[in-house]
């Protein structure tokens, strides 16, 4: 994830094709930054517990 006001999700270095959906996943609490480190411009994304539960329910 690119650290900015709105999360910019990238997959293997390429922009995720549906940025509004990426924002919705973060706002819904299904994806989050894996690190709070601010010295880098990008950090790994992680699936939250709520995200895991949503995948298991699907």
Protein backbone atom coordinates (compact mmCIF):
# COMPACT_ATOMS: atom_id res chain seq x y z
CA UNK A 1 0.00 0.00 0.00
CA UNK A 2 1.23 3.47 -0.80
CA UNK A 3 1.11 5.70 2.25
CA UNK A 4 -1.18 8.59 1.41
CA UNK A 5 -4.51 10.05 2.43
CA UNK A 6 -6.31 7.42 0.38
CA UNK A 7 -4.76 3.98 0.24
CA UNK A 8 -3.27 3.13 -3.13
CA UNK A 9 -3.10 -0.63 -3.44
CA UNK A 10 -0.50 -2.26 -5.66
CA UNK A 11 -0.11 -5.92 -6.51
CA UNK A 12 3.39 -7.06 -7.48
CA UNK A 13 4.33 -3.41 -7.96
CA UNK A 14 1.46 -2.66 -10.35
CA UNK A 15 -1.54 -0.53 -9.46
CA UNK A 16 -4.58 -2.56 -8.48
CA UNK A 17 -7.01 -2.05 -11.38
CA UNK A 18 -9.96 -1.01 -9.18
CA UNK A 19 -8.69 1.69 -6.81
CA UNK A 20 -12.20 2.67 -5.60
CA UNK A 21 -12.69 -0.98 -4.55
CA UNK A 22 -9.31 -0.95 -2.78
CA UNK A 23 -10.40 2.15 -0.85
CA UNK A 24 -13.68 0.43 0.05
CA UNK A 25 -11.84 -2.66 1.33
CA UNK A 26 -9.67 -0.50 3.59
CA UNK A 27 -12.61 1.63 4.78
CA UNK A 28 -14.59 -1.55 5.55
CA UNK A 29 -11.70 -2.77 7.70
CA UNK A 30 -10.94 -5.80 5.51
CA UNK A 31 -7.43 -4.66 4.50
CA UNK A 32 -4.93 -2.69 6.56
CA UNK A 33 -1.32 -1.61 6.51
CA UNK A 34 0.95 -4.34 7.83
CA UNK A 35 3.23 -1.70 9.34
CA UNK A 36 2.76 1.77 10.75
CA UNK A 37 6.27 2.71 9.62
CA UNK A 38 6.22 6.18 8.06
CA UNK A 39 9.80 6.34 6.77
CA UNK A 40 8.89 4.38 3.63
CA UNK A 41 6.52 5.36 0.83
CA UNK A 42 5.01 1.88 0.57
CA UNK A 43 4.22 -0.85 3.08
CA UNK A 44 2.77 -4.32 2.78
CA UNK A 45 -0.97 -4.73 3.11
CA UNK A 46 -2.45 -7.34 5.41
CA UNK A 47 -5.78 -9.06 5.56
CA UNK A 48 -7.50 -8.17 8.83
CA UNK A 49 -9.42 -10.60 11.03
CA UNK A 50 -12.63 -9.19 9.56
CA UNK A 51 -11.22 -9.78 6.07
CA UNK A 52 -10.41 -13.39 6.91
CA UNK A 53 -13.90 -13.91 8.31
CA UNK A 54 -15.47 -12.44 5.16
CA UNK A 55 -13.45 -14.80 2.96
CA UNK A 56 -14.39 -17.82 5.08
CA UNK A 57 -18.06 -16.87 4.92
CA UNK A 58 -17.99 -16.55 1.12
